[in-house]
Amino acid sequence: MPHRKPFVGLAVAGGLLAAIPGRSVGTGEIPSDQRQAIEGIIHEYLFKNPDVLIEALRGAKDKLNREEDAKATKVLSKRANEIFDDPATPVGGNPKGDVNIVEFFDYRCPYCKEVLPTLQTVLKQDHELRFVYKEFPVLGPASVVAARAALAAQRQGKYEAFHTAMMATKGQITDDTVYKVAEALELDVGRLKQDMAAPEIQQKIKANLALAVALNIRGTPGFIVGKKIIPGALDLDTLREMIAKARKG
């Protein structure tokens, strides 16, 4: 049967090692001439049966993914306060909502921009959602400037307005783009720049980056809906389904 072939391959290798005169598996070095002969036979076997190697690699990848997901789930439980209730983290929607949606995002990420209308739709239709914004600038220096500016805009009471305007910005985002958006929103740009340099803002971004790594969120966007970590963009139907599951517990 095809799904048993990786075990056949392992059995072949194990049998070859066990067949070496006067040597038990795992009890010493294999003489170089015998090692070369074994490697040649294994190479020939894998060359004729490439699906064995493909299945073995796929199985190893799946196992690694399951282990990483399990670790991330434990982090989600242990660091729930940091994820959902950090007072320095901007919150939208209904602050007392019954389901949390957390997004890790970068203002230069095209997929984050594409998913914005979906998020706006569910937040408009469902008034029991609590939305947690996690600045996650991973796409270069301009992303870091934008993230700092957003958190500084929070100090002027315009975080969500700035966030929405940045997500709606087309084309390349530069430092100038960030400050033009701030000016258009009538933010005090001088104060904004001072606040951007505040150590608390830098620390908040560093904390978000470390938290994303711990949660196995490696790119943008990354979501947490209820207690489920979801890498990548979500379509409207999937997001609604995840919200419904979160409400059921």
C-alpha atoms as a PDB file:
ATOM      1  CA  MET A   1       0.000   0.000   0.000  1.00  0.00           C
ATOM      2  CA  PRO A   2       1.433   3.456  -0.920  1.00  0.00           C
ATOM      3  CA  HIS A   3       1.094   4.970   2.547  1.00  0.00           C
ATOM      4  CA  ARG A   4       3.360   2.256   3.990  1.00  0.00           C
ATOM      5  CA  LYS A   5       6.309   2.916   1.665  1.00  0.00           C
ATOM      6  CA  PRO A   6       8.183   5.265   4.037  1.00  0.00           C
ATOM      7  CA  PHE A   7       8.250   2.428   6.571  1.00  0.00           C
ATOM      8  CA  VAL A   8       9.574   0.103   3.865  1.00  0.00           C
ATOM      9  CA  GLY A   9      12.385   2.584   3.183  1.00  0.00           C
ATOM     10  CA  LEU A  10      13.287   2.732   6.848  1.00  0.00           C
ATOM     11  CA  ALA A  11      13.209  -1.030   7.068  1.00  0.00           C
ATOM     12  CA  VAL A  12      15.617  -1.269   4.142  1.00  0.00           C
ATOM     13  CA  ALA A  13      18.090   1.087   5.820  1.00  0.00           C
ATOM     14  CA  GLY A  14      17.720  -0.655   9.173  1.00  0.00           C
ATOM     15  CA  GLY A  15      18.213  -4.056   7.600  1.00  0.00           C
ATOM     16  CA  LEU A  16      21.375  -2.943   5.871  1.00  0.00           C
ATOM     17  CA  LEU A  17      22.850  -1.619   9.095  1.00  0.00           C
ATOM     18  CA  ALA A  18      21.927  -4.746  11.023  1.00  0.00           C
ATOM     19  CA  ALA A  19      23.546  -6.920   8.369  1.00  0.00           C
ATOM     20  CA  ILE A  20      27.036  -5.546   8.987  1.00  0.00           C
ATOM     21  CA  PRO A  21      29.154  -8.393  10.489  1.00  0.00           C
ATOM     22  CA  GLY A  22      30.036  -7.990  14.157  1.00  0.00           C
ATOM     23  CA  ARG A  23      28.158  -4.733  14.577  1.00  0.00           C
ATOM     24  CA  SER A  24      24.925  -3.917  16.314  1.00  0.00           C
ATOM     25  CA  VAL A  25      22.927  -0.893  15.228  1.00  0.00           C
ATOM     26  CA  GLY A  26      23.958   2.177  17.190  1.00  0.00           C
ATOM     27  CA  THR A  27      27.141   0.640  18.713  1.00  0.00           C
ATOM     28  CA  GLY A  28      29.908   2.275  16.709  1.00  0.00           C
ATOM     29  CA  GLU A  29      31.081   3.822  13.473  1.00  0.00           C
ATOM     30  CA  ILE A  30      30.443   2.064  10.164  1.00  0.00           C
ATOM     31  CA  PRO A  31      33.591   1.439   8.098  1.00  0.00           C
ATOM     32  CA  SER A  32      33.771   3.885   5.184  1.00  0.00           C
ATOM     33  CA  ASP A  33      33.562   1.220   2.439  1.00  0.00           C
ATOM     34  CA  GLN A  34      30.448  -0.303   4.022  1.00  0.00           C
ATOM     35  CA  ARG A  35      28.921   3.129   4.546  1.00  0.00           C
ATOM     36  CA  GLN A  36      29.427   3.981   0.869  1.00  0.00           C
ATOM     37  CA  ALA A  37      27.820   0.716  -0.201  1.00  0.00           C
ATOM     38  CA  ILE A  38      24.811   1.329   2.082  1.00  0.00           C
ATOM     39  CA  GLU A  39      24.423   4.928   0.916  1.00  0.00           C
ATOM     40  CA  GLY A  40      24.555   3.759  -2.705  1.00  0.00           C
ATOM     41  CA  ILE A  41      21.798   1.193  -2.176  1.00  0.00           C
ATOM     42  CA  ILE A  42      19.604   3.684  -0.278  1.00  0.00           C
ATOM     43  CA  HIS A  43      20.181   6.344  -2.936  1.00  0.00           C
ATOM     44  CA  GLU A  44      19.190   3.919  -5.686  1.00  0.00           C
ATOM     45  CA  TYR A  45      16.074   2.881  -3.760  1.00  0.00           C
ATOM     46  CA  LEU A  46      14.966   6.472  -3.226  1.00  0.00           C
ATOM     47  CA  PHE A  47      15.756   7.366  -6.829  1.00  0.00           C
ATOM     48  CA  LYS A  48      13.429   4.591  -8.013  1.00  0.00           C
ATOM     49  CA  ASN A  49      10.802   5.378  -5.364  1.00  0.00           C
ATOM     50  CA  PRO A  50      10.763   9.204  -4.940  1.00  0.00           C
ATOM     51  CA  ASP A  51       7.280   9.095  -3.420  1.00  0.00           C
ATOM     52  CA  VAL A  52       8.860   7.493  -0.321  1.00  0.00           C
ATOM     53  CA  LEU A  53      10.980  10.571   0.321  1.00  0.00           C
ATOM     54  CA  ILE A  54       8.139  12.947  -0.516  1.00  0.00           C
ATOM     55  CA  GLU A  55       5.803  11.225   1.945  1.00  0.00           C
ATOM     56  CA  ALA A  56       8.478  11.121   4.632  1.00  0.00           C
ATOM     57  CA  LEU A  57       9.180  14.855   4.244  1.00  0.00           C
ATOM     58  CA  ARG A  58       5.470  15.654   4.219  1.00  0.00           C
ATOM     59  CA  GLY A  59       4.977  13.597   7.368  1.00  0.00           C
ATOM     60  CA  ALA A  60       7.873  15.361   9.095  1.00  0.00           C
ATOM     61  CA  LYS A  61       6.474  18.767   8.116  1.00  0.00           C
ATOM     62  CA  ASP A  62       2.990  17.869   9.360  1.00  0.00           C
ATOM     63  CA  LYS A  63       4.435  16.647  12.666  1.00  0.00           C
ATOM     64  CA  LEU A  64       6.429  19.854  13.085  1.00  0.00           C
ATOM     65  CA  ASN A  65       3.356  21.976  12.313  1.00  0.00           C
ATOM     66  CA  ARG A  66       1.285  20.072  14.877  1.00  0.00           C
ATOM     67  CA  GLU A  67       3.969  20.552  17.516  1.00  0.00           C
ATOM     68  CA  GLU A  68       4.253  24.280  16.770  1.00  0.00           C
ATOM     69  CA  ASP A  69       0.455  24.693  16.847  1.00  0.00           C
ATOM     70  CA  ALA A  70       0.309  22.919  20.208  1.00  0.00           C
ATOM     71  CA  LYS A  71       2.996  25.226  21.623  1.00  0.00           C
ATOM     72  CA  ALA A  72       1.183  28.296  20.284  1.00  0.00           C
ATOM     73  CA  THR A  73      -2.082  27.161  21.874  1.00  0.00           C
ATOM     74  CA  LYS A  74      -0.335  26.881  25.253  1.00  0.00           C
ATOM     75  CA  VAL A  75       1.093  30.389  24.812  1.00  0.00           C
ATOM     76  CA  LEU A  76      -2.391  31.666  23.987  1.00  0.00           C
ATOM     77  CA  SER A  77      -3.671  30.277  27.273  1.00  0.00           C
ATOM     78  CA  LYS A  78      -0.738  31.370  29.447  1.00  0.00           C
ATOM     79  CA  ARG A  79      -0.465  34.886  28.002  1.00  0.00           C
ATOM     80  CA  ALA A  80      -4.151  35.649  27.530  1.00  0.00           C
ATOM     81  CA  ASN A  81      -3.988  38.900  29.501  1.00  0.00           C
ATOM     82  CA  GLU A  82      -1.120  40.188  27.367  1.00  0.00           C
ATOM     83  CA  ILE A  83      -2.908  39.206  24.169  1.00  0.00           C
ATOM     84  CA  PHE A  84      -6.421  40.428  24.941  1.00  0.00           C
ATOM     85  CA  ASP A  85      -6.259  42.871  27.851  1.00  0.00           C
ATOM     86  CA  ASP A  86      -3.006  44.818  27.604  1.00  0.00           C
ATOM     87  CA  PRO A  87      -4.021  48.422  28.467  1.00  0.00           C
ATOM     88  CA  ALA A  88      -1.458  49.826  26.002  1.00  0.00           C
ATOM     89  CA  THR A  89      -2.997  47.949  23.073  1.00  0.00           C
ATOM     90  CA  PRO A  90      -5.645  49.794  21.014  1.00  0.00           C
ATOM     91  CA  VAL A  91      -9.102  48.212  21.062  1.00  0.00           C
ATOM     92  CA  GLY A  92     -12.005  48.776  18.664  1.00  0.00           C
ATOM     93  CA  GLY A  93     -15.509  47.454  18.207  1.00  0.00           C
ATOM     94  CA  ASN A  94     -17.317  46.838  21.473  1.00  0.00           C
ATOM     95  CA  PRO A  95     -14.790  46.994  24.355  1.00  0.00           C
ATOM     96  CA  LYS A  96     -17.119  44.701  26.337  1.00  0.00           C
ATOM     97  CA  GLY A  97     -17.885  42.356  23.452  1.00  0.00           C
ATOM     98  CA  ASP A  98     -18.246  38.607  23.931  1.00  0.00           C
ATOM     99  CA  VAL A  99     -15.776  37.548  21.194  1.00  0.00           C
ATOM    100  CA  ASN A 100     -12.253  38.859  20.683  1.00  0.00           C
ATOM    101  CA  ILE A 101     -10.733  39.268  17.243  1.00  0.00           C
ATOM    102  CA  VAL A 102      -7.013  40.029  17.392  1.00  0.00           C
ATOM    103  CA  GLU A 103      -5.131  41.059  14.255  1.00  0.00           C
ATOM    104  CA  PHE A 104      -1.357  41.229  13.818  1.00  0.00           C
ATOM    105  CA  PHE A 105      -0.788  43.495  10.808  1.00  0.00           C
ATOM    106  CA  ASP A 106       1.636  45.648   8.854  1.00  0.00           C
ATOM    107  CA  TYR A 107       0.540  48.812   7.019  1.00  0.00           C
ATOM    108  CA  ARG A 108       2.634  47.828   3.992  1.00  0.00           C
ATOM    109  CA  CYS A 109       1.041  44.376   3.732  1.00  0.00           C
ATOM    110  CA  PRO A 110      -1.308  44.140   0.705  1.00  0.00           C
ATOM    111  CA  TYR A 111      -3.203  41.216   2.247  1.00  0.00           C
ATOM    112  CA  CYS A 112      -3.908  43.263   5.376  1.00  0.00           C
ATOM    113  CA  LYS A 113      -5.378  45.965   3.146  1.00  0.00           C
ATOM    114  CA  GLU A 114      -7.473  43.428   1.240  1.00  0.00           C
ATOM    115  CA  VAL A 115      -8.989  41.985   4.408  1.00  0.00           C
ATOM    116  CA  LEU A 116      -9.952  45.390   5.844  1.00  0.00           C
ATOM    117  CA  PRO A 117     -13.418  45.530   4.155  1.00  0.00           C
ATOM    118  CA  THR A 118     -14.211  42.071   5.582  1.00  0.00           C
ATOM    119  CA  LEU A 119     -13.301  43.206   9.083  1.00  0.00           C
ATOM    120  CA  GLN A 120     -15.284  46.420   8.707  1.00  0.00           C
ATOM    121  CA  THR A 121     -18.326  44.443   7.549  1.00  0.00           C
ATOM    122  CA  VAL A 122     -18.389  42.055  10.519  1.00  0.00           C
ATOM    123  CA  LEU A 123     -17.761  44.874  12.994  1.00  0.00           C
ATOM    124  CA  LYS A 124     -20.601  46.882  11.477  1.00  0.00           C
ATOM    125  CA  GLN A 125     -23.014  43.948  11.503  1.00  0.00           C
ATOM    126  CA  ASP A 126     -22.033  42.388  14.842  1.00  0.00           C
ATOM    127  CA  HIS A 127     -21.951  44.811  17.765  1.00  0.00           C
ATOM    128  CA  GLU A 128     -20.722  42.192  20.223  1.00  0.00           C
ATOM    129  CA  LEU A 129     -17.246  41.916  18.742  1.00  0.00           C
ATOM    130  CA  ARG A 130     -14.167  43.284  20.463  1.00  0.00           C
ATOM    131  CA  PHE A 131     -11.285  44.049  18.077  1.00  0.00           C
ATOM    132  CA  VAL A 132      -7.675  44.120  19.320  1.00  0.00           C
ATOM    133  CA  TYR A 133      -5.054  45.844  17.156  1.00  0.00           C
ATOM    134  CA  LYS A 134      -1.518  44.421  17.281  1.00  0.00           C
ATOM    135  CA  GLU A 135       1.041  46.491  15.397  1.00  0.00           C
ATOM    136  CA  PHE A 136       3.394  43.974  13.756  1.00  0.00           C
ATOM    137  CA  PRO A 137       5.788  45.889  11.471  1.00  0.00           C
ATOM    138  CA  VAL A 138       7.814  43.229   9.654  1.00  0.00           C
ATOM    139  CA  LEU A 139       8.141  44.660   6.142  1.00  0.00           C
ATOM    140  CA  GLY A 140      10.927  47.156   6.611  1.00  0.00           C
ATOM    141  CA  PRO A 141      11.809  50.491   8.249  1.00  0.00           C
ATOM    142  CA  ALA A 142       8.801  52.343   6.791  1.00  0.00           C
ATOM    143  CA  SER A 143       6.533  49.787   8.448  1.00  0.00           C
ATOM    144  CA  VAL A 144       8.147  50.544  11.813  1.00  0.00           C
ATOM    145  CA  VAL A 145       7.643  54.296  11.303  1.00  0.00           C
ATOM    146  CA  ALA A 146       3.980  53.718  10.434  1.00  0.00           C
ATOM    147  CA  ALA A 147       3.445  51.508  13.494  1.00  0.00           C
ATOM    148  CA  ARG A 148       5.064  54.068  15.794  1.00  0.00           C
ATOM    149  CA  ALA A 149       2.933  56.824  14.269  1.00  0.00           C
ATOM    150  CA  ALA A 150      -0.240  54.811  14.786  1.00  0.00           C
ATOM    151  CA  LEU A 151       0.522  54.226  18.465  1.00  0.00           C
ATOM    152  CA  ALA A 152       1.453  57.896  18.829  1.00  0.00           C
ATOM    153  CA  ALA A 153      -1.856  58.875  17.188  1.00  0.00           C
ATOM    154  CA  GLN A 154      -3.568  56.921  19.968  1.00  0.00           C
ATOM    155  CA  ARG A 155      -2.289  59.578  22.379  1.00  0.00           C
ATOM    156  CA  GLN A 156      -4.253  62.160  20.398  1.00  0.00           C
ATOM    157  CA  GLY A 157      -7.401  60.035  20.360  1.00  0.00           C
ATOM    158  CA  LYS A 158      -7.158  59.189  16.658  1.00  0.00           C
ATOM    159  CA  TYR A 159      -5.744  55.673  16.511  1.00  0.00           C
ATOM    160  CA  GLU A 160      -8.590  54.053  14.573  1.00  0.00           C
ATOM    161  CA  ALA A 161      -8.893  56.983  12.168  1.00  0.00           C
ATOM    162  CA  PHE A 162      -5.158  56.799  11.457  1.00  0.00           C
ATOM    163  CA  HIS A 163      -5.244  53.006  11.140  1.00  0.00           C
ATOM    164  CA  THR A 164      -8.113  53.073   8.647  1.00  0.00           C
ATOM    165  CA  ALA A 165      -6.508  55.848   6.594  1.00  0.00           C
ATOM    166  CA  MET A 166      -3.175  54.011   6.449  1.00  0.00           C
ATOM    167  CA  MET A 167      -4.860  50.784   5.374  1.00  0.00           C
ATOM    168  CA  ALA A 168      -6.685  52.695   2.646  1.00  0.00           C
ATOM    169  CA  THR A 169      -3.448  54.248   1.327  1.00  0.00           C
ATOM    170  CA  LYS A 170      -2.496  53.007  -2.136  1.00  0.00           C
ATOM    171  CA  GLY A 171       1.001  52.446  -3.461  1.00  0.00           C
ATOM    172  CA  GLN A 172       4.281  52.381  -1.587  1.00  0.00           C
ATOM    173  CA  ILE A 173       4.242  53.659   1.972  1.00  0.00           C
ATOM    174  CA  THR A 174       7.152  55.873   2.955  1.00  0.00           C
ATOM    175  CA  ASP A 175       7.876  58.068   5.956  1.00  0.00           C
ATOM    176  CA  ASP A 176       6.420  61.031   4.027  1.00  0.00           C
ATOM    177  CA  THR A 177       3.237  59.048   3.370  1.00  0.00           C
ATOM    178  CA  VAL A 178       2.813  58.479   7.106  1.00  0.00           C
ATOM    179  CA  TYR A 179       3.115  62.174   7.960  1.00  0.00           C
ATOM    180  CA  LYS A 180       0.813  63.227   5.108  1.00  0.00           C
ATOM    181  CA  VAL A 181      -1.879  60.900   6.452  1.00  0.00           C
ATOM    182  CA  ALA A 182      -1.364  62.400   9.914  1.00  0.00           C
ATOM    183  CA  GLU A 183      -1.716  65.937   8.507  1.00  0.00           C
ATOM    184  CA  ALA A 184      -4.886  64.998   6.615  1.00  0.00           C
ATOM    185  CA  LEU A 185      -6.391  63.774   9.896  1.00  0.00           C
ATOM    186  CA  GLU A 186      -5.413  67.077  11.543  1.00  0.00           C
ATOM    187  CA  LEU A 187      -3.069  65.417  13.988  1.00  0.00           C
ATOM    188  CA  ASP A 188      -0.438  67.572  15.651  1.00  0.00           C
ATOM    189  CA  VAL A 189       2.494  66.215  13.620  1.00  0.00           C
ATOM    190  CA  GLY A 190       5.132  67.833  15.835  1.00  0.00           C
ATOM    191  CA  ARG A 191       3.687  66.171  18.906  1.00  0.00           C
ATOM    192  CA  LEU A 192       3.209  62.959  16.937  1.00  0.00           C
ATOM    193  CA  LYS A 193       6.923  62.793  16.103  1.00  0.00           C
ATOM    194  CA  GLN A 194       7.871  63.403  19.730  1.00  0.00           C
ATOM    195  CA  ASP A 195       5.516  60.682  20.922  1.00  0.00           C
ATOM    196  CA  MET A 196       6.818  58.266  18.295  1.00  0.00           C
ATOM    197  CA  ALA A 197      10.211  58.377  20.013  1.00  0.00           C
ATOM    198  CA  ALA A 198       8.753  57.472  23.408  1.00  0.00           C
ATOM    199  CA  PRO A 199      10.348  54.313  24.857  1.00  0.00           C
ATOM    200  CA  GLU A 200       6.894  52.945  25.719  1.00  0.00           C
ATOM    201  CA  ILE A 201       5.964  52.860  22.051  1.00  0.00           C
ATOM    202  CA  GLN A 202       9.171  51.110  21.047  1.00  0.00           C
ATOM    203  CA  GLN A 203       8.641  48.595  23.847  1.00  0.00           C
ATOM    204  CA  LYS A 204       5.063  47.943  22.735  1.00  0.00           C
ATOM    205  CA  ILE A 205       6.221  47.089  19.204  1.00  0.00           C
ATOM    206  CA  LYS A 206       9.002  44.827  20.508  1.00  0.00           C
ATOM    207  CA  ALA A 207       6.494  43.059  22.742  1.00  0.00           C
ATOM    208  CA  ASN A 208       4.139  42.497  19.805  1.00  0.00           C
ATOM    209  CA  LEU A 209       6.946  41.046  17.692  1.00  0.00           C
ATOM    210  CA  ALA A 210       7.965  38.641  20.465  1.00  0.00           C
ATOM    211  CA  LEU A 211       4.348  37.674  21.110  1.00  0.00           C
ATOM    212  CA  ALA A 212       3.757  36.894  17.436  1.00  0.00           C
ATOM    213  CA  VAL A 213       6.791  34.600  17.374  1.00  0.00           C
ATOM    214  CA  ALA A 214       5.555  32.795  20.483  1.00  0.00           C
ATOM    215  CA  LEU A 215       2.140  32.346  18.848  1.00  0.00           C
ATOM    216  CA  ASN A 216       3.771  30.999  15.658  1.00  0.00           C
ATOM    217  CA  ILE A 217       2.445  33.950  13.645  1.00  0.00           C
ATOM    218  CA  ARG A 218       5.169  34.391  11.045  1.00  0.00           C
ATOM    219  CA  GLY A 219       3.573  36.805   8.596  1.00  0.00           C
ATOM    220  CA  THR A 220       0.782  39.294   8.102  1.00  0.00           C
ATOM    221  CA  PRO A 221      -2.039  39.284   8.606  1.00  0.00           C
ATOM    222  CA  GLY A 222      -2.347  36.886  11.526  1.00  0.00           C
ATOM    223  CA  PHE A 223      -5.549  36.503  13.516  1.00  0.00           C
ATOM    224  CA  ILE A 224      -6.831  35.152  16.769  1.00  0.00           C
ATOM    225  CA  VAL A 225     -10.593  34.622  16.827  1.00  0.00           C
ATOM    226  CA  GLY A 226     -11.765  33.591  20.266  1.00  0.00           C
ATOM    227  CA  LYS A 227      -9.131  31.019  21.198  1.00  0.00           C
ATOM    228  CA  LYS A 228      -8.161  29.973  17.665  1.00  0.00           C
ATOM    229  CA  ILE A 229      -4.970  31.190  15.969  1.00  0.00           C
ATOM    230  CA  ILE A 230      -5.409  31.669  12.220  1.00  0.00           C
ATOM    231  CA  PRO A 231      -2.480  32.645   9.973  1.00  0.00           C
ATOM    232  CA  GLY A 232      -3.288  34.532   6.789  1.00  0.00           C
ATOM    233  CA  ALA A 233      -6.224  36.546   5.488  1.00  0.00           C
ATOM    234  CA  LEU A 234      -9.806  35.491   6.174  1.00  0.00           C
ATOM    235  CA  ASP A 235     -12.800  35.726   3.857  1.00  0.00           C
ATOM    236  CA  LEU A 236     -16.144  36.897   5.220  1.00  0.00           C
ATOM    237  CA  ASP A 237     -17.815  33.474   5.457  1.00  0.00           C
ATOM    238  CA  THR A 238     -14.833  31.905   7.224  1.00  0.00           C
ATOM    239  CA  LEU A 239     -14.605  34.775   9.685  1.00  0.00           C
ATOM    240  CA  ARG A 240     -18.316  34.528  10.507  1.00  0.00           C
ATOM    241  CA  GLU A 241     -17.948  30.786  11.010  1.00  0.00           C
ATOM    242  CA  MET A 242     -14.991  31.287  13.357  1.00  0.00           C
ATOM    243  CA  ILE A 243     -16.943  33.890  15.366  1.00  0.00           C
ATOM    244  CA  ALA A 244     -19.895  31.512  15.703  1.00  0.00           C
ATOM    245  CA  LYS A 245     -17.599  28.730  16.921  1.00  0.00           C
ATOM    246  CA  ALA A 246     -15.978  31.072  19.427  1.00  0.00           C
ATOM    247  CA  ARG A 247     -19.392  31.938  20.866  1.00  0.00           C
ATOM    248  CA  LYS A 248     -20.229  28.285  21.328  1.00  0.00           C
ATOM    249  CA  GLY A 249     -17.023  27.829  23.287  1.00  0.00           C
END
